[in-house]
Amino acid sequence: MTYKNIYAVYKGEKFLDLGTAEELAKRFKVKKETVWFWNSPANKRRAKKKRKIAIKIEEENK
């Protein structure tokens, strides 16, 4: 059984998308590591309206 995290991506207060790191990376044309960085405390501290952030919603069983 594999667990995949579900993330919600925002830019400022605007909701952009929802999915796993792999799905979001494909949609935004970035690496999945970038999606993980969007969820990092360092990115959230720097976040302004111009920066994307990802918030972990839940773990999905696959």
Protein backbone atom coordinates (compact mmCIF):
# COMPACT_ATOMS: atom_id res chain seq x y z
CA MET A 1 0.00 0.00 0.00
CA THR A 2 1.41 3.40 -1.03
CA TYR A 3 0.43 6.70 0.50
CA LYS A 4 0.25 9.82 -1.64
CA ASN A 5 -0.34 13.25 -0.20
CA ILE A 6 -3.02 15.50 -1.67
CA TYR A 7 -2.11 19.18 -1.96
CA ALA A 8 -4.12 22.34 -2.60
CA VAL A 9 -2.12 24.98 -4.49
CA TYR A 10 -2.76 28.69 -3.98
CA LYS A 11 -1.28 31.88 -5.36
CA GLY A 12 -2.01 34.52 -2.77
CA GLU A 13 -5.62 33.86 -1.77
CA LYS A 14 -6.57 32.42 -5.17
CA PHE A 15 -7.08 28.63 -5.34
CA LEU A 16 -5.32 27.16 -8.38
CA ASP A 17 -5.54 23.35 -8.24
CA LEU A 18 -5.75 20.18 -6.15
CA GLY A 19 -3.94 16.86 -6.56
CA THR A 20 -0.89 14.75 -5.72
CA ALA A 21 2.61 16.19 -6.13
CA GLU A 22 3.02 14.19 -9.34
CA GLU A 23 -0.29 15.40 -10.82
CA LEU A 24 0.38 19.03 -9.89
CA ALA A 25 3.94 18.89 -11.26
CA LYS A 26 2.58 17.70 -14.59
CA ARG A 27 -0.14 20.41 -14.69
CA PHE A 28 2.22 23.26 -13.72
CA LYS A 29 5.13 21.86 -15.77
CA VAL A 30 7.53 21.71 -12.80
CA LYS A 31 9.28 18.90 -10.91
CA LYS A 32 7.43 17.20 -8.05
CA GLU A 33 10.22 18.45 -5.79
CA THR A 34 9.04 21.99 -6.61
CA VAL A 35 5.55 21.13 -5.39
CA TRP A 36 7.09 19.78 -2.18
CA PHE A 37 9.04 23.05 -1.82
CA TRP A 38 5.80 25.03 -2.20
CA ASN A 39 4.65 23.16 0.94
CA SER A 40 7.84 23.95 2.90
CA PRO A 41 7.92 26.32 5.88
CA ALA A 42 10.66 28.36 4.13
CA ASN A 43 8.45 29.00 1.11
CA LYS A 44 5.44 29.86 3.29
CA ARG A 45 7.54 32.43 5.23
CA ARG A 46 8.58 34.10 1.97
CA ALA A 47 5.15 33.87 0.37
CA LYS A 48 3.63 37.03 -1.00
CA LYS A 49 0.79 37.30 -3.48
CA LYS A 50 3.20 36.42 -6.30
CA ARG A 51 4.36 33.08 -4.85
CA LYS A 52 2.62 29.72 -5.06
CA ILE A 53 2.12 27.73 -1.87
CA ALA A 54 0.90 24.15 -1.42
CA ILE A 55 -1.04 22.99 1.59
CA LYS A 56 -1.16 19.27 2.42
CA ILE A 57 -4.82 18.23 2.63
CA GLU A 58 -4.71 14.47 3.27
CA GLU A 59 -2.97 11.19 2.52
CA GLU A 60 -4.50 9.00 -0.14
CA ASN A 61 -4.16 5.20 -0.09
CA LYS A 62 -3.15 3.68 -3.42
